[in-house]
């Protein structure tokens, strides 16, 4: 009937993602076990609990590695923060900023969505599920090859490139 007991009850339950221990209006202690790993905002908690003690059993996935570049695929996630600067909580889903043909290889297919999943047996770290696409967190930001750009020759036309390029007159 205390916070340690509530924490232990959550740890013992297979489907407990978090617990909240507080004192109810009737002055009795209350332990609530929550099945989903959610923030207060996601759980639509109407008012913050100032006298609560709580904990989460949720697992997190490693941060994604950001590769800068205007044509690179990056990931936008449905969670607070982003998966590049914070570890995403299990259940977080991310979609690519855009699609492109990455060399035409089947193993280079860009997944429509990636998800932070519960850890494998014997691990405490969640894992990103790239939908069998051959991606992993080390290669998820992929540079898209650009098609040839044709710029008409005219007065006052300026072009700026990230790397040295030699113009070709066709």
C-alpha atoms as a PDB file:
ATOM      1  CA  UNK A   1       0.000   0.000   0.000  1.00  0.00           C
ATOM      2  CA  UNK A   2       2.939   2.314  -0.742  1.00  0.00           C
ATOM      3  CA  UNK A   3       4.817   3.579  -3.806  1.00  0.00           C
ATOM      4  CA  UNK A   4       7.360   0.722  -3.687  1.00  0.00           C
ATOM      5  CA  UNK A   5       4.518  -1.810  -3.692  1.00  0.00           C
ATOM      6  CA  UNK A   6       2.885  -0.061  -6.634  1.00  0.00           C
ATOM      7  CA  UNK A   7       6.203  -0.095  -8.551  1.00  0.00           C
ATOM      8  CA  UNK A   8       6.637  -3.811  -7.785  1.00  0.00           C
ATOM      9  CA  UNK A   9       3.071  -4.580  -8.944  1.00  0.00           C
ATOM     10  CA  UNK A  10       3.774  -2.830 -12.267  1.00  0.00           C
ATOM     11  CA  UNK A  11       7.084  -4.667 -12.708  1.00  0.00           C
ATOM     12  CA  UNK A  12       5.340  -7.997 -12.072  1.00  0.00           C
ATOM     13  CA  UNK A  13       2.530  -7.344 -14.574  1.00  0.00           C
ATOM     14  CA  UNK A  14       3.355  -8.290 -18.170  1.00  0.00           C
ATOM     15  CA  UNK A  15       1.197  -5.540 -19.653  1.00  0.00           C
ATOM     16  CA  UNK A  16       2.101  -2.648 -17.302  1.00  0.00           C
ATOM     17  CA  UNK A  17       3.812   0.230 -19.063  1.00  0.00           C
ATOM     18  CA  UNK A  18       3.627   2.692 -16.177  1.00  0.00           C
ATOM     19  CA  UNK A  19       2.189   3.225 -12.729  1.00  0.00           C
ATOM     20  CA  UNK A  20       0.840   6.193 -10.773  1.00  0.00           C
ATOM     21  CA  UNK A  21       0.722   6.104  -6.986  1.00  0.00           C
ATOM     22  CA  UNK A  22      -1.160   8.858  -5.184  1.00  0.00           C
ATOM     23  CA  UNK A  23      -3.425   9.640  -2.300  1.00  0.00           C
ATOM     24  CA  UNK A  24      -7.084   9.786  -3.305  1.00  0.00           C
ATOM     25  CA  UNK A  25      -9.492  12.391  -1.951  1.00  0.00           C
ATOM     26  CA  UNK A  26     -10.692   9.900   0.643  1.00  0.00           C
ATOM     27  CA  UNK A  27      -7.113   9.864   2.038  1.00  0.00           C
ATOM     28  CA  UNK A  28      -6.528   6.251   1.021  1.00  0.00           C
ATOM     29  CA  UNK A  29      -3.554   5.330  -1.114  1.00  0.00           C
ATOM     30  CA  UNK A  30      -4.246   4.485  -4.715  1.00  0.00           C
ATOM     31  CA  UNK A  31      -2.110   2.569  -7.227  1.00  0.00           C
ATOM     32  CA  UNK A  32      -3.036   2.786 -10.900  1.00  0.00           C
ATOM     33  CA  UNK A  33      -1.337   0.493 -13.420  1.00  0.00           C
ATOM     34  CA  UNK A  34      -1.290   1.799 -16.994  1.00  0.00           C
ATOM     35  CA  UNK A  35      -0.940  -0.628 -19.877  1.00  0.00           C
ATOM     36  CA  UNK A  36       0.344   1.780 -22.528  1.00  0.00           C
ATOM     37  CA  UNK A  37       3.580   3.744 -22.470  1.00  0.00           C
ATOM     38  CA  UNK A  38       2.193   7.263 -22.709  1.00  0.00           C
ATOM     39  CA  UNK A  39       3.098  10.745 -21.583  1.00  0.00           C
ATOM     40  CA  UNK A  40       0.513  12.661 -19.541  1.00  0.00           C
ATOM     41  CA  UNK A  41      -0.416  14.588 -22.692  1.00  0.00           C
ATOM     42  CA  UNK A  42      -0.899  11.380 -24.731  1.00  0.00           C
ATOM     43  CA  UNK A  43      -2.967   9.842 -21.937  1.00  0.00           C
ATOM     44  CA  UNK A  44      -5.073  13.041 -21.875  1.00  0.00           C
ATOM     45  CA  UNK A  45      -4.538  13.539 -18.129  1.00  0.00           C
ATOM     46  CA  UNK A  46      -6.730  16.585 -17.407  1.00  0.00           C
ATOM     47  CA  UNK A  47      -4.616  18.031 -14.597  1.00  0.00           C
ATOM     48  CA  UNK A  48      -1.029  17.391 -13.590  1.00  0.00           C
ATOM     49  CA  UNK A  49      -0.692  15.271 -10.499  1.00  0.00           C
ATOM     50  CA  UNK A  50       1.395  17.260  -8.017  1.00  0.00           C
ATOM     51  CA  UNK A  51       1.389  14.683  -5.213  1.00  0.00           C
ATOM     52  CA  UNK A  52       1.848  11.575  -7.362  1.00  0.00           C
ATOM     53  CA  UNK A  53       4.787   9.252  -7.507  1.00  0.00           C
ATOM     54  CA  UNK A  54       5.098   7.402 -10.764  1.00  0.00           C
ATOM     55  CA  UNK A  55       7.379   5.391 -12.978  1.00  0.00           C
ATOM     56  CA  UNK A  56       7.473   3.912 -16.428  1.00  0.00           C
ATOM     57  CA  UNK A  57       8.562   0.483 -17.553  1.00  0.00           C
ATOM     58  CA  UNK A  58       8.729   1.664 -21.138  1.00  0.00           C
ATOM     59  CA  UNK A  59      11.783   0.897 -23.199  1.00  0.00           C
ATOM     60  CA  UNK A  60      13.430   3.370 -25.504  1.00  0.00           C
ATOM     61  CA  UNK A  61      15.135   3.008 -28.851  1.00  0.00           C
ATOM     62  CA  UNK A  62      18.551   4.511 -29.575  1.00  0.00           C
ATOM     63  CA  UNK A  63      18.678   7.954 -31.140  1.00  0.00           C
ATOM     64  CA  UNK A  64      18.673   7.998 -34.927  1.00  0.00           C
ATOM     65  CA  UNK A  65      21.879   9.266 -36.499  1.00  0.00           C
ATOM     66  CA  UNK A  66      21.279  12.528 -38.361  1.00  0.00           C
ATOM     67  CA  UNK A  67      23.024  12.907 -41.707  1.00  0.00           C
ATOM     68  CA  UNK A  68      22.760  16.505 -42.963  1.00  0.00           C
ATOM     69  CA  UNK A  69      21.788  17.197 -46.543  1.00  0.00           C
ATOM     70  CA  UNK A  70      18.907  18.800 -48.408  1.00  0.00           C
ATOM     71  CA  UNK A  71      18.221  15.657 -50.447  1.00  0.00           C
ATOM     72  CA  UNK A  72      18.645  13.213 -47.550  1.00  0.00           C
ATOM     73  CA  UNK A  73      15.686  11.320 -46.179  1.00  0.00           C
ATOM     74  CA  UNK A  74      15.020  12.315 -42.575  1.00  0.00           C
ATOM     75  CA  UNK A  75      12.347  11.011 -40.188  1.00  0.00           C
ATOM     76  CA  UNK A  76       9.458  12.867 -38.540  1.00  0.00           C
ATOM     77  CA  UNK A  77       8.073  11.115 -35.456  1.00  0.00           C
ATOM     78  CA  UNK A  78       4.719  11.210 -33.672  1.00  0.00           C
ATOM     79  CA  UNK A  79       6.231  11.918 -30.251  1.00  0.00           C
ATOM     80  CA  UNK A  80       7.483  14.824 -28.185  1.00  0.00           C
ATOM     81  CA  UNK A  81      10.909  15.892 -29.397  1.00  0.00           C
ATOM     82  CA  UNK A  82      12.536  14.031 -32.242  1.00  0.00           C
ATOM     83  CA  UNK A  83      14.312  10.713 -32.552  1.00  0.00           C
ATOM     84  CA  UNK A  84      17.628  12.400 -33.398  1.00  0.00           C
ATOM     85  CA  UNK A  85      17.976  14.278 -30.098  1.00  0.00           C
ATOM     86  CA  UNK A  86      16.022  12.079 -27.680  1.00  0.00           C
ATOM     87  CA  UNK A  87      15.585   8.352 -27.307  1.00  0.00           C
ATOM     88  CA  UNK A  88      12.126   7.447 -28.615  1.00  0.00           C
ATOM     89  CA  UNK A  89       9.720   5.543 -26.380  1.00  0.00           C
ATOM     90  CA  UNK A  90       8.447   2.190 -27.646  1.00  0.00           C
ATOM     91  CA  UNK A  91       5.417   2.645 -29.866  1.00  0.00           C
ATOM     92  CA  UNK A  92       6.816   5.817 -31.463  1.00  0.00           C
ATOM     93  CA  UNK A  93       6.239   5.808 -35.228  1.00  0.00           C
ATOM     94  CA  UNK A  94       8.187   7.893 -37.744  1.00  0.00           C
ATOM     95  CA  UNK A  95       7.594   8.639 -41.419  1.00  0.00           C
ATOM     96  CA  UNK A  96      10.143   9.782 -44.027  1.00  0.00           C
ATOM     97  CA  UNK A  97      10.281  13.431 -45.075  1.00  0.00           C
ATOM     98  CA  UNK A  98      10.092  12.326 -48.719  1.00  0.00           C
ATOM     99  CA  UNK A  99      10.512   9.335 -51.011  1.00  0.00           C
ATOM    100  CA  UNK A 100      13.114   8.735 -53.686  1.00  0.00           C
ATOM    101  CA  UNK A 101      14.695   5.928 -55.670  1.00  0.00           C
ATOM    102  CA  UNK A 102      17.852   4.955 -53.815  1.00  0.00           C
ATOM    103  CA  UNK A 103      19.673   3.082 -56.552  1.00  0.00           C
ATOM    104  CA  UNK A 104      16.816   0.728 -57.450  1.00  0.00           C
ATOM    105  CA  UNK A 105      18.023  -2.070 -55.159  1.00  0.00           C
ATOM    106  CA  UNK A 106      15.207  -3.930 -53.356  1.00  0.00           C
ATOM    107  CA  UNK A 107      17.130  -3.853 -50.069  1.00  0.00           C
ATOM    108  CA  UNK A 108      17.307  -0.071 -50.394  1.00  0.00           C
ATOM    109  CA  UNK A 109      13.525   0.390 -50.388  1.00  0.00           C
ATOM    110  CA  UNK A 110      12.497   3.284 -48.156  1.00  0.00           C
ATOM    111  CA  UNK A 111       9.990   2.112 -45.559  1.00  0.00           C
ATOM    112  CA  UNK A 112       6.745   4.091 -45.333  1.00  0.00           C
ATOM    113  CA  UNK A 113       7.093   4.005 -41.555  1.00  0.00           C
ATOM    114  CA  UNK A 114       9.531   2.916 -38.863  1.00  0.00           C
ATOM    115  CA  UNK A 115       8.547   2.057 -35.294  1.00  0.00           C
ATOM    116  CA  UNK A 116      10.291   1.782 -31.942  1.00  0.00           C
ATOM    117  CA  UNK A 117       9.524  -1.752 -30.720  1.00  0.00           C
ATOM    118  CA  UNK A 118       9.919  -3.577 -27.420  1.00  0.00           C
ATOM    119  CA  UNK A 119      13.351  -5.098 -26.890  1.00  0.00           C
ATOM    120  CA  UNK A 120      14.286  -8.607 -27.896  1.00  0.00           C
ATOM    121  CA  UNK A 121      14.372 -11.232 -25.160  1.00  0.00           C
ATOM    122  CA  UNK A 122      17.281 -10.570 -22.799  1.00  0.00           C
ATOM    123  CA  UNK A 123      17.761  -6.927 -23.839  1.00  0.00           C
ATOM    124  CA  UNK A 124      16.748  -3.728 -22.055  1.00  0.00           C
ATOM    125  CA  UNK A 125      17.042  -1.509 -25.152  1.00  0.00           C
ATOM    126  CA  UNK A 126      14.150  -1.131 -27.588  1.00  0.00           C
ATOM    127  CA  UNK A 127      14.861  -1.566 -31.292  1.00  0.00           C
ATOM    128  CA  UNK A 128      13.796   0.297 -34.404  1.00  0.00           C
ATOM    129  CA  UNK A 129      11.693  -1.796 -36.786  1.00  0.00           C
ATOM    130  CA  UNK A 130      12.435  -0.766 -40.360  1.00  0.00           C
ATOM    131  CA  UNK A 131       9.871  -3.145 -41.821  1.00  0.00           C
ATOM    132  CA  UNK A 132      12.429  -5.584 -43.261  1.00  0.00           C
ATOM    133  CA  UNK A 133      13.799  -2.898 -45.567  1.00  0.00           C
ATOM    134  CA  UNK A 134      17.473  -3.558 -44.817  1.00  0.00           C
ATOM    135  CA  UNK A 135      17.815  -0.243 -43.015  1.00  0.00           C
ATOM    136  CA  UNK A 136      19.187   0.153 -39.523  1.00  0.00           C
ATOM    137  CA  UNK A 137      19.635   3.166 -37.286  1.00  0.00           C
ATOM    138  CA  UNK A 138      23.114   3.738 -38.720  1.00  0.00           C
ATOM    139  CA  UNK A 139      21.890   4.160 -42.293  1.00  0.00           C
ATOM    140  CA  UNK A 140      18.338   5.464 -41.940  1.00  0.00           C
ATOM    141  CA  UNK A 141      19.171   8.959 -43.264  1.00  0.00           C
ATOM    142  CA  UNK A 142      19.936   8.142 -46.879  1.00  0.00           C
ATOM    143  CA  UNK A 143      21.009  10.580 -49.574  1.00  0.00           C
ATOM    144  CA  UNK A 144      18.670  10.557 -52.540  1.00  0.00           C
ATOM    145  CA  UNK A 145      20.392  10.692 -55.896  1.00  0.00           C
ATOM    146  CA  UNK A 146      19.181  13.695 -57.838  1.00  0.00           C
ATOM    147  CA  UNK A 147      18.133  13.619 -61.453  1.00  0.00           C
ATOM    148  CA  UNK A 148      20.130  15.686 -63.900  1.00  0.00           C
ATOM    149  CA  UNK A 149      19.178  19.347 -63.608  1.00  0.00           C
ATOM    150  CA  UNK A 150      18.955  21.377 -66.787  1.00  0.00           C
ATOM    151  CA  UNK A 151      19.171  25.117 -66.346  1.00  0.00           C
ATOM    152  CA  UNK A 152      18.487  27.302 -69.345  1.00  0.00           C
ATOM    153  CA  UNK A 153      21.291  29.681 -70.199  1.00  0.00           C
ATOM    154  CA  UNK A 154      20.205  33.260 -69.691  1.00  0.00           C
ATOM    155  CA  UNK A 155      21.486  36.565 -68.365  1.00  0.00           C
ATOM    156  CA  UNK A 156      21.693  36.842 -64.546  1.00  0.00           C
ATOM    157  CA  UNK A 157      21.110  33.118 -63.890  1.00  0.00           C
ATOM    158  CA  UNK A 158      22.886  32.057 -60.695  1.00  0.00           C
ATOM    159  CA  UNK A 159      23.377  28.556 -59.348  1.00  0.00           C
ATOM    160  CA  UNK A 160      24.996  27.612 -56.048  1.00  0.00           C
ATOM    161  CA  UNK A 161      26.257  24.087 -55.383  1.00  0.00           C
ATOM    162  CA  UNK A 162      27.308  22.303 -52.190  1.00  0.00           C
ATOM    163  CA  UNK A 163      30.251  20.680 -53.969  1.00  0.00           C
ATOM    164  CA  UNK A 164      32.413  21.548 -56.919  1.00  0.00           C
ATOM    165  CA  UNK A 165      30.527  21.041 -60.168  1.00  0.00           C
ATOM    166  CA  UNK A 166      31.579  21.697 -63.698  1.00  0.00           C
ATOM    167  CA  UNK A 167      28.890  23.176 -65.985  1.00  0.00           C
ATOM    168  CA  UNK A 168      28.249  21.286 -69.192  1.00  0.00           C
ATOM    169  CA  UNK A 169      26.849  23.140 -72.181  1.00  0.00           C
ATOM    170  CA  UNK A 170      24.440  20.939 -74.094  1.00  0.00           C
END
